[in-house]
Amino acid sequence: LERYGPGTEDDIVWWSGATKSVVRTALDDIGAEQVRLADEQVGWVLPDDLEDSAPAKRGAALLPALDPTTMGWKDRSFFLGPHSPEIFDRNGNAGATAWIGGRVVGTWVQTDEGTVVVLPLEELATGDRAALDVEATRLTAWLDGDVVRSVYASPYARAWLARHG
């Protein structure tokens, strides 16, 4: 929970291999706090995670394929929404993801020239699109022309690359 919270009870059972009874006891022992996730599921966080009651900024992030942030949950609906078929392959491997405010809103690719391009999977507010574009520009500069391809490209990214190169 410290690194990847919130987590649902089912996530923690899946991560740990423990029974629900053991997980419930452990959550009680550490004083974990319940939170509501985006899809009305109950998640758990450490008590210190609730101390800062200031609203969180809507951060933008571009994460690589197989990132534990994307892969680390049994039920991904609270951050993935309807985008699973575009992001995950048949074997459950996640491609690169574009995030806004703790939710996957798209994927990203690199062109043959090395430019990072964000591929939204839903309508984005102007500010959110701009924030992702800033991240794409930053990542393009950091990669400095090196093109990094993953065998775990998302189905959506593979289709885009096949059309645009």
N, C-alpha and C. Protein backbone atom coordinates (compact mmCIF):
# COMPACT_ATOMS: atom_id res chain seq x y z
N LEU A 1 0.82 -1.20 0.00
CA LEU A 1 0.00 0.00 0.00
C LEU A 1 0.86 1.26 0.00
N GLU A 2 2.02 1.18 0.62
CA GLU A 2 2.88 2.36 0.65
C GLU A 2 3.32 2.77 -0.75
N ARG A 3 3.63 1.82 -1.60
CA ARG A 3 4.12 2.14 -2.94
C ARG A 3 3.03 2.15 -4.00
N TYR A 4 2.01 1.29 -3.87
CA TYR A 4 1.04 1.12 -4.95
C TYR A 4 -0.40 1.27 -4.52
N GLY A 5 -0.64 1.84 -3.33
CA GLY A 5 -2.00 2.03 -2.88
C GLY A 5 -2.69 3.12 -3.68
N PRO A 6 -3.98 3.14 -3.70
CA PRO A 6 -4.86 2.25 -2.95
C PRO A 6 -4.92 0.86 -3.56
N GLY A 7 -5.28 -0.08 -2.73
CA GLY A 7 -5.48 -1.44 -3.19
C GLY A 7 -6.78 -1.98 -2.64
N THR A 8 -7.47 -2.77 -3.43
CA THR A 8 -8.69 -3.41 -2.96
C THR A 8 -8.32 -4.65 -2.17
N GLU A 9 -9.26 -5.16 -1.44
CA GLU A 9 -9.03 -6.40 -0.71
C GLU A 9 -8.62 -7.52 -1.67
N ASP A 10 -9.30 -7.60 -2.81
CA ASP A 10 -8.95 -8.62 -3.80
C ASP A 10 -7.54 -8.43 -4.34
N ASP A 11 -7.11 -7.17 -4.55
CA ASP A 11 -5.75 -6.90 -5.00
C ASP A 11 -4.74 -7.44 -3.99
N ILE A 12 -4.98 -7.15 -2.72
CA ILE A 12 -4.01 -7.52 -1.69
C ILE A 12 -3.95 -9.04 -1.54
N VAL A 13 -5.09 -9.70 -1.67
CA VAL A 13 -5.10 -11.17 -1.68
C VAL A 13 -4.28 -11.67 -2.86
N TRP A 14 -4.49 -11.07 -4.03
CA TRP A 14 -3.78 -11.47 -5.25
C TRP A 14 -2.28 -11.20 -5.12
N TRP A 15 -1.89 -10.01 -4.62
CA TRP A 15 -0.47 -9.67 -4.46
C TRP A 15 0.23 -10.61 -3.49
N SER A 16 -0.44 -10.88 -2.36
CA SER A 16 0.22 -11.58 -1.25
C SER A 16 0.05 -13.09 -1.27
N GLY A 17 -1.00 -13.55 -1.92
CA GLY A 17 -1.29 -14.99 -1.88
C GLY A 17 -1.94 -15.41 -0.57
N ALA A 18 -2.30 -14.45 0.27
CA ALA A 18 -2.93 -14.74 1.56
C ALA A 18 -4.44 -14.90 1.37
N THR A 19 -5.09 -15.37 2.41
CA THR A 19 -6.55 -15.49 2.38
C THR A 19 -7.17 -14.13 2.70
N LYS A 20 -8.46 -13.99 2.40
CA LYS A 20 -9.16 -12.74 2.72
C LYS A 20 -9.16 -12.50 4.22
N SER A 21 -9.28 -13.55 5.00
CA SER A 21 -9.28 -13.41 6.45
C SER A 21 -7.95 -12.83 6.93
N VAL A 22 -6.85 -13.35 6.43
CA VAL A 22 -5.53 -12.86 6.82
C VAL A 22 -5.37 -11.40 6.37
N VAL A 23 -5.81 -11.09 5.16
CA VAL A 23 -5.70 -9.72 4.64
C VAL A 23 -6.52 -8.77 5.49
N ARG A 24 -7.73 -9.15 5.85
CA ARG A 24 -8.57 -8.27 6.68
C ARG A 24 -7.92 -8.02 8.03
N THR A 25 -7.35 -9.04 8.62
CA THR A 25 -6.64 -8.89 9.90
C THR A 25 -5.45 -7.96 9.74
N ALA A 26 -4.68 -8.13 8.67
CA ALA A 26 -3.51 -7.28 8.43
C ALA A 26 -3.92 -5.83 8.22
N LEU A 27 -4.99 -5.59 7.45
CA LEU A 27 -5.46 -4.22 7.22
C LEU A 27 -5.87 -3.58 8.54
N ASP A 28 -6.53 -4.35 9.39
CA ASP A 28 -6.94 -3.84 10.70
C ASP A 28 -5.70 -3.56 11.56
N ASP A 29 -4.73 -4.48 11.53
CA ASP A 29 -3.52 -4.32 12.35
C ASP A 29 -2.72 -3.07 11.99
N ILE A 30 -2.67 -2.72 10.72
CA ILE A 30 -1.90 -1.55 10.31
C ILE A 30 -2.72 -0.26 10.31
N GLY A 31 -4.00 -0.38 10.65
CA GLY A 31 -4.86 0.80 10.70
C GLY A 31 -5.21 1.35 9.33
N ALA A 32 -5.22 0.49 8.32
CA ALA A 32 -5.54 0.94 6.96
C ALA A 32 -6.90 1.63 6.94
N GLU A 33 -7.02 2.60 6.05
CA GLU A 33 -8.24 3.39 5.93
C GLU A 33 -8.93 3.08 4.60
N GLN A 34 -10.25 3.01 4.65
CA GLN A 34 -11.04 2.80 3.43
C GLN A 34 -11.16 4.10 2.65
N VAL A 35 -11.09 3.95 1.32
CA VAL A 35 -11.35 5.08 0.42
C VAL A 35 -12.23 4.58 -0.71
N ARG A 36 -12.97 5.47 -1.30
CA ARG A 36 -13.80 5.14 -2.47
C ARG A 36 -12.98 5.34 -3.72
N LEU A 37 -12.98 4.33 -4.57
CA LEU A 37 -12.28 4.44 -5.84
C LEU A 37 -13.23 4.96 -6.90
N ALA A 38 -12.70 5.30 -8.05
CA ALA A 38 -13.49 5.95 -9.10
C ALA A 38 -14.72 5.15 -9.50
N ASP A 39 -14.66 3.85 -9.45
CA ASP A 39 -15.80 3.04 -9.89
C ASP A 39 -16.63 2.53 -8.71
N GLU A 40 -16.56 3.24 -7.60
CA GLU A 40 -17.32 2.93 -6.38
C GLU A 40 -16.85 1.68 -5.65
N GLN A 41 -15.70 1.15 -6.01
CA GLN A 41 -15.11 0.07 -5.23
C GLN A 41 -14.52 0.65 -3.96
N VAL A 42 -14.31 -0.22 -2.98
CA VAL A 42 -13.63 0.18 -1.76
C VAL A 42 -12.16 -0.16 -1.91
N GLY A 43 -11.31 0.83 -1.67
CA GLY A 43 -9.87 0.62 -1.66
C GLY A 43 -9.33 0.87 -0.27
N TRP A 44 -8.08 0.51 -0.08
CA TRP A 44 -7.43 0.69 1.21
C TRP A 44 -6.13 1.47 1.03
N VAL A 45 -5.87 2.39 1.95
CA VAL A 45 -4.63 3.15 1.96
C VAL A 45 -4.07 3.16 3.38
N LEU A 46 -2.81 3.52 3.50
CA LEU A 46 -2.21 3.66 4.82
C LEU A 46 -2.75 4.93 5.49
N PRO A 47 -2.83 4.95 6.81
CA PRO A 47 -3.39 6.11 7.51
C PRO A 47 -2.71 7.42 7.15
N ASP A 48 -1.40 7.42 6.96
CA ASP A 48 -0.67 8.65 6.63
C ASP A 48 -1.07 9.21 5.26
N ASP A 49 -1.61 8.36 4.40
CA ASP A 49 -2.00 8.82 3.07
C ASP A 49 -3.23 9.72 3.11
N LEU A 50 -3.94 9.75 4.23
CA LEU A 50 -5.13 10.59 4.36
C LEU A 50 -4.85 11.89 5.10
N GLU A 51 -3.64 12.05 5.62
CA GLU A 51 -3.35 13.23 6.44
C GLU A 51 -3.40 14.53 5.65
N ASP A 52 -2.96 14.52 4.41
CA ASP A 52 -2.98 15.73 3.59
C ASP A 52 -4.33 15.80 2.90
N SER A 53 -5.19 16.68 3.37
CA SER A 53 -6.53 16.75 2.81
C SER A 53 -6.65 17.75 1.66
N ALA A 54 -5.52 18.35 1.25
CA ALA A 54 -5.56 19.27 0.12
C ALA A 54 -5.86 18.48 -1.15
N PRO A 55 -6.66 19.06 -2.04
CA PRO A 55 -6.97 18.34 -3.28
C PRO A 55 -5.71 18.10 -4.10
N ALA A 56 -5.61 16.91 -4.66
CA ALA A 56 -4.46 16.55 -5.47
C ALA A 56 -4.55 17.23 -6.83
N LYS A 57 -3.40 17.57 -7.38
CA LYS A 57 -3.36 18.11 -8.73
C LYS A 57 -3.68 17.00 -9.72
N ARG A 58 -4.25 17.38 -10.85
CA ARG A 58 -4.51 16.43 -11.92
C ARG A 58 -3.21 16.25 -12.70
N GLY A 59 -2.39 15.33 -12.25
CA GLY A 59 -1.10 15.11 -12.89
C GLY A 59 -1.22 14.37 -14.20
N ALA A 60 -0.24 14.59 -15.07
CA ALA A 60 -0.13 13.89 -16.34
C ALA A 60 1.12 13.01 -16.30
N ALA A 61 1.02 11.82 -16.86
CA ALA A 61 2.17 10.93 -16.89
C ALA A 61 2.10 10.03 -18.12
N LEU A 62 3.28 9.73 -18.66
CA LEU A 62 3.41 8.75 -19.72
C LEU A 62 4.25 7.61 -19.15
N LEU A 63 3.64 6.44 -19.03
CA LEU A 63 4.33 5.29 -18.44
C LEU A 63 4.65 4.27 -19.52
N PRO A 64 5.77 3.54 -19.36
CA PRO A 64 6.17 2.56 -20.37
C PRO A 64 5.35 1.28 -20.30
N ALA A 65 5.53 0.46 -21.29
CA ALA A 65 4.90 -0.87 -21.29
C ALA A 65 5.33 -1.64 -20.05
N LEU A 66 4.43 -2.46 -19.54
CA LEU A 66 4.66 -3.34 -18.39
C LEU A 66 4.96 -2.60 -17.10
N ASP A 67 4.65 -1.30 -17.02
CA ASP A 67 4.90 -0.56 -15.80
C ASP A 67 4.06 -1.13 -14.66
N PRO A 68 4.65 -1.28 -13.47
CA PRO A 68 3.88 -1.86 -12.35
C PRO A 68 2.67 -1.04 -11.94
N THR A 69 2.67 0.26 -12.25
CA THR A 69 1.50 1.06 -11.93
C THR A 69 0.29 0.58 -12.73
N THR A 70 0.50 0.17 -13.96
CA THR A 70 -0.57 -0.33 -14.80
C THR A 70 -0.85 -1.81 -14.54
N MET A 71 0.19 -2.57 -14.28
CA MET A 71 0.06 -4.03 -14.18
C MET A 71 -0.32 -4.52 -12.79
N GLY A 72 -0.19 -3.69 -11.75
CA GLY A 72 -0.20 -4.15 -10.38
C GLY A 72 -1.53 -4.45 -9.72
N TRP A 73 -2.62 -4.43 -10.44
CA TRP A 73 -3.92 -4.66 -9.82
C TRP A 73 -4.64 -5.80 -10.52
N LYS A 74 -5.37 -6.57 -9.74
CA LYS A 74 -6.19 -7.64 -10.31
C LYS A 74 -7.36 -7.04 -11.08
N ASP A 75 -8.06 -6.11 -10.47
CA ASP A 75 -9.17 -5.42 -11.12
C ASP A 75 -8.69 -4.00 -11.43
N ARG A 76 -8.55 -3.69 -12.69
CA ARG A 76 -7.98 -2.41 -13.10
C ARG A 76 -9.05 -1.38 -13.48
N SER A 77 -10.31 -1.72 -13.31
CA SER A 77 -11.38 -0.86 -13.82
C SER A 77 -11.37 0.53 -13.20
N PHE A 78 -10.90 0.69 -11.96
CA PHE A 78 -10.96 2.00 -11.33
C PHE A 78 -10.01 3.01 -11.96
N PHE A 79 -8.99 2.56 -12.67
CA PHE A 79 -8.11 3.51 -13.35
C PHE A 79 -8.08 3.31 -14.86
N LEU A 80 -8.58 2.18 -15.33
CA LEU A 80 -8.50 1.85 -16.75
C LEU A 80 -9.80 2.14 -17.49
N GLY A 81 -10.92 2.12 -16.77
CA GLY A 81 -12.20 2.35 -17.44
C GLY A 81 -12.42 1.34 -18.56
N PRO A 82 -12.93 1.80 -19.70
CA PRO A 82 -13.25 0.89 -20.80
C PRO A 82 -12.07 0.60 -21.73
N HIS A 83 -10.86 1.03 -21.37
CA HIS A 83 -9.74 1.00 -22.30
C HIS A 83 -8.91 -0.28 -22.31
N SER A 84 -9.30 -1.29 -21.57
CA SER A 84 -8.51 -2.52 -21.50
C SER A 84 -8.20 -3.13 -22.86
N PRO A 85 -9.17 -3.26 -23.78
CA PRO A 85 -8.85 -3.90 -25.07
C PRO A 85 -7.81 -3.13 -25.89
N GLU A 86 -7.74 -1.81 -25.72
CA GLU A 86 -6.77 -1.02 -26.47
C GLU A 86 -5.39 -1.02 -25.83
N ILE A 87 -5.31 -1.32 -24.53
CA ILE A 87 -4.06 -1.22 -23.78
C ILE A 87 -3.40 -2.58 -23.53
N PHE A 88 -4.21 -3.61 -23.22
CA PHE A 88 -3.67 -4.92 -22.86
C PHE A 88 -3.77 -5.90 -24.01
N ASP A 89 -2.71 -6.71 -24.19
CA ASP A 89 -2.78 -7.75 -25.20
C ASP A 89 -3.49 -8.98 -24.64
N ARG A 90 -3.64 -10.01 -25.44
CA ARG A 90 -4.38 -11.22 -25.03
C ARG A 90 -3.76 -11.92 -23.83
N ASN A 91 -2.47 -11.72 -23.60
CA ASN A 91 -1.78 -12.38 -22.48
C ASN A 91 -1.77 -11.55 -21.21
N GLY A 92 -2.41 -10.38 -21.24
CA GLY A 92 -2.47 -9.54 -20.05
C GLY A 92 -1.30 -8.59 -19.89
N ASN A 93 -0.52 -8.37 -20.95
CA ASN A 93 0.61 -7.44 -20.90
C ASN A 93 0.14 -6.05 -21.30
N ALA A 94 0.50 -5.06 -20.51
CA ALA A 94 0.10 -3.68 -20.79
C ALA A 94 1.11 -2.99 -21.67
N GLY A 95 0.61 -2.25 -22.64
CA GLY A 95 1.46 -1.38 -23.44
C GLY A 95 1.68 -0.07 -22.69
N ALA A 96 2.33 0.87 -23.34
CA ALA A 96 2.57 2.20 -22.77
C ALA A 96 1.22 2.88 -22.50
N THR A 97 1.18 3.68 -21.46
CA THR A 97 -0.08 4.32 -21.09
C THR A 97 0.11 5.82 -20.87
N ALA A 98 -0.95 6.57 -21.17
CA ALA A 98 -1.02 8.01 -20.90
C ALA A 98 -2.06 8.19 -19.79
N TRP A 99 -1.67 8.89 -18.73
CA TRP A 99 -2.51 9.06 -17.53
C TRP A 99 -2.81 10.54 -17.28
N ILE A 100 -4.01 10.78 -16.84
CA ILE A 100 -4.41 12.09 -16.32
C ILE A 100 -5.18 11.85 -15.02
N GLY A 101 -4.77 12.52 -13.95
CA GLY A 101 -5.49 12.46 -12.69
C GLY A 101 -5.70 11.05 -12.16
N GLY A 102 -4.71 10.17 -12.35
CA GLY A 102 -4.80 8.81 -11.82
C GLY A 102 -5.61 7.85 -12.67
N ARG A 103 -5.91 8.23 -13.92
CA ARG A 103 -6.67 7.35 -14.82
C ARG A 103 -5.96 7.24 -16.16
N VAL A 104 -6.05 6.06 -16.76
CA VAL A 104 -5.53 5.87 -18.11
C VAL A 104 -6.51 6.51 -19.08
N VAL A 105 -5.98 7.41 -19.92
CA VAL A 105 -6.82 8.08 -20.91
C VAL A 105 -6.32 7.84 -22.34
N GLY A 106 -5.23 7.08 -22.45
CA GLY A 106 -4.69 6.80 -23.77
C GLY A 106 -3.39 6.03 -23.70
N THR A 107 -2.70 6.03 -24.80
CA THR A 107 -1.41 5.37 -24.91
C THR A 107 -0.46 6.34 -25.60
N TRP A 108 0.77 5.92 -25.84
CA TRP A 108 1.71 6.76 -26.57
C TRP A 108 2.65 5.88 -27.36
N VAL A 109 3.20 6.47 -28.42
CA VAL A 109 4.15 5.78 -29.28
C VAL A 109 5.30 6.73 -29.61
N GLN A 110 6.34 6.16 -30.20
CA GLN A 110 7.42 6.95 -30.76
C GLN A 110 7.42 6.74 -32.27
N THR A 111 7.54 7.82 -33.00
CA THR A 111 7.67 7.71 -34.45
C THR A 111 9.07 7.20 -34.78
N ASP A 112 9.29 6.85 -36.03
CA ASP A 112 10.61 6.38 -36.45
C ASP A 112 11.68 7.46 -36.25
N GLU A 113 11.26 8.72 -36.21
CA GLU A 113 12.20 9.83 -35.99
C GLU A 113 12.47 10.07 -34.51
N GLY A 114 11.71 9.41 -33.63
CA GLY A 114 11.93 9.54 -32.20
C GLY A 114 10.98 10.47 -31.47
N THR A 115 10.02 11.03 -32.17
CA THR A 115 9.05 11.93 -31.54
C THR A 115 8.00 11.11 -30.79
N VAL A 116 7.74 11.47 -29.55
CA VAL A 116 6.70 10.82 -28.75
C VAL A 116 5.36 11.45 -29.10
N VAL A 117 4.38 10.59 -29.43
CA VAL A 117 3.04 11.03 -29.82
C VAL A 117 2.03 10.41 -28.86
N VAL A 118 1.20 11.23 -28.25
CA VAL A 118 0.14 10.76 -27.36
C VAL A 118 -1.08 10.39 -28.20
N LEU A 119 -1.66 9.22 -27.91
CA LEU A 119 -2.84 8.73 -28.61
C LEU A 119 -3.99 8.61 -27.62
N PRO A 120 -4.82 9.66 -27.50
CA PRO A 120 -5.94 9.60 -26.55
C PRO A 120 -6.94 8.53 -26.95
N LEU A 121 -7.55 7.92 -25.95
CA LEU A 121 -8.61 6.94 -26.16
C LEU A 121 -9.97 7.49 -25.78
N GLU A 122 -10.00 8.77 -25.42
CA GLU A 122 -11.26 9.44 -25.06
C GLU A 122 -11.08 10.93 -25.28
N GLU A 123 -12.18 11.63 -25.25
CA GLU A 123 -12.14 13.09 -25.38
C GLU A 123 -11.44 13.67 -24.16
N LEU A 124 -10.47 14.56 -24.39
CA LEU A 124 -9.72 15.16 -23.30
C LEU A 124 -10.00 16.65 -23.22
N ALA A 125 -10.06 17.15 -21.99
CA ALA A 125 -10.14 18.59 -21.79
C ALA A 125 -8.87 19.23 -22.35
N THR A 126 -8.97 20.46 -22.79
CA THR A 126 -7.84 21.16 -23.40
C THR A 126 -6.62 21.16 -22.48
N GLY A 127 -6.82 21.44 -21.20
CA GLY A 127 -5.70 21.46 -20.25
C GLY A 127 -5.07 20.10 -20.06
N ASP A 128 -5.89 19.05 -20.08
CA ASP A 128 -5.35 17.70 -19.93
C ASP A 128 -4.53 17.31 -21.15
N ARG A 129 -5.04 17.64 -22.34
CA ARG A 129 -4.29 17.34 -23.57
C ARG A 129 -2.97 18.11 -23.57
N ALA A 130 -3.01 19.36 -23.16
CA ALA A 130 -1.80 20.17 -23.11
C ALA A 130 -0.79 19.58 -22.13
N ALA A 131 -1.25 19.10 -20.98
CA ALA A 131 -0.35 18.51 -19.99
C ALA A 131 0.31 17.24 -20.55
N LEU A 132 -0.44 16.43 -21.27
CA LEU A 132 0.14 15.23 -21.89
C LEU A 132 1.12 15.60 -22.99
N ASP A 133 0.81 16.65 -23.74
CA ASP A 133 1.74 17.11 -24.78
C ASP A 133 3.05 17.61 -24.18
N VAL A 134 2.98 18.26 -23.02
CA VAL A 134 4.20 18.69 -22.33
C VAL A 134 5.04 17.47 -21.96
N GLU A 135 4.38 16.44 -21.44
CA GLU A 135 5.11 15.21 -21.08
C GLU A 135 5.71 14.55 -22.32
N ALA A 136 4.98 14.56 -23.43
CA ALA A 136 5.50 13.97 -24.67
C ALA A 136 6.73 14.73 -25.16
N THR A 137 6.69 16.04 -25.08
CA THR A 137 7.84 16.86 -25.48
C THR A 137 9.03 16.59 -24.57
N ARG A 138 8.76 16.51 -23.28
CA ARG A 138 9.83 16.23 -22.30
C ARG A 138 10.47 14.87 -22.56
N LEU A 139 9.62 13.84 -22.81
CA LEU A 139 10.14 12.49 -23.04
C LEU A 139 10.89 12.42 -24.37
N THR A 140 10.40 13.10 -25.39
CA THR A 140 11.10 13.15 -26.68
C THR A 140 12.51 13.71 -26.49
N ALA A 141 12.61 14.81 -25.75
CA ALA A 141 13.91 15.44 -25.50
C ALA A 141 14.82 14.51 -24.70
N TRP A 142 14.27 13.86 -23.70
CA TRP A 142 15.07 12.98 -22.84
C TRP A 142 15.61 11.80 -23.64
N LEU A 143 14.79 11.23 -24.53
CA LEU A 143 15.23 10.09 -25.34
C LEU A 143 16.23 10.52 -26.42
N ASP A 144 16.23 11.79 -26.76
CA ASP A 144 17.25 12.38 -27.62
C ASP A 144 17.47 11.60 -28.92
N GLY A 145 16.37 11.23 -29.59
CA GLY A 145 16.48 10.55 -30.88
C GLY A 145 16.53 9.03 -30.81
N ASP A 146 16.77 8.48 -29.63
CA ASP A 146 16.76 7.01 -29.49
C ASP A 146 15.32 6.52 -29.56
N VAL A 147 15.06 5.60 -30.46
CA VAL A 147 13.72 5.03 -30.59
C VAL A 147 13.69 3.73 -29.81
N VAL A 148 12.80 3.66 -28.85
CA VAL A 148 12.68 2.50 -27.98
C VAL A 148 11.36 1.81 -28.30
N ARG A 149 11.43 0.64 -28.88
CA ARG A 149 10.23 -0.12 -29.21
C ARG A 149 10.10 -1.27 -28.21
N SER A 150 8.89 -1.56 -27.85
CA SER A 150 8.62 -2.67 -26.93
C SER A 150 7.85 -3.75 -27.67
N VAL A 151 8.15 -4.99 -27.35
CA VAL A 151 7.36 -6.08 -27.93
C VAL A 151 5.97 -6.08 -27.32
N TYR A 152 5.77 -5.30 -26.27
CA TYR A 152 4.47 -5.21 -25.60
C TYR A 152 3.74 -3.92 -25.95
N ALA A 153 3.84 -3.49 -27.19
CA ALA A 153 3.07 -2.33 -27.61
C ALA A 153 1.59 -2.66 -27.48
N SER A 154 0.81 -1.67 -27.08
CA SER A 154 -0.63 -1.90 -26.94
C SER A 154 -1.25 -2.16 -28.31
N PRO A 155 -2.37 -2.87 -28.34
CA PRO A 155 -3.05 -3.09 -29.62
C PRO A 155 -3.35 -1.78 -30.36
N TYR A 156 -3.76 -0.75 -29.63
CA TYR A 156 -4.07 0.53 -30.24
C TYR A 156 -2.82 1.17 -30.83
N ALA A 157 -1.71 1.12 -30.09
CA ALA A 157 -0.44 1.69 -30.57
C ALA A 157 0.07 0.92 -31.78
N ARG A 158 -0.02 -0.40 -31.76
CA ARG A 158 0.41 -1.21 -32.92
C ARG A 158 -0.37 -0.82 -34.16
N ALA A 159 -1.67 -0.66 -34.01
CA ALA A 159 -2.51 -0.29 -35.17
C ALA A 159 -2.12 1.11 -35.66
N TRP A 160 -1.87 2.05 -34.76
CA TRP A 160 -1.50 3.41 -35.15
C TRP A 160 -0.16 3.38 -35.89
N LEU A 161 0.81 2.65 -35.35
CA LEU A 161 2.14 2.57 -35.98
C LEU A 161 2.06 1.92 -37.36
N ALA A 162 1.19 0.95 -37.53
CA ALA A 162 1.03 0.30 -38.83
C ALA A 162 0.51 1.29 -39.87
N ARG A 163 -0.31 2.25 -39.45
CA ARG A 163 -0.85 3.25 -40.37
C ARG A 163 0.09 4.44 -40.58
N HIS A 164 0.82 4.82 -39.52
CA HIS A 164 1.61 6.07 -39.56
C HIS A 164 3.11 5.87 -39.52
N GLY A 165 3.56 4.67 -39.20
CA GLY A 165 5.01 4.42 -39.13
C GLY A 165 5.60 5.04 -37.98
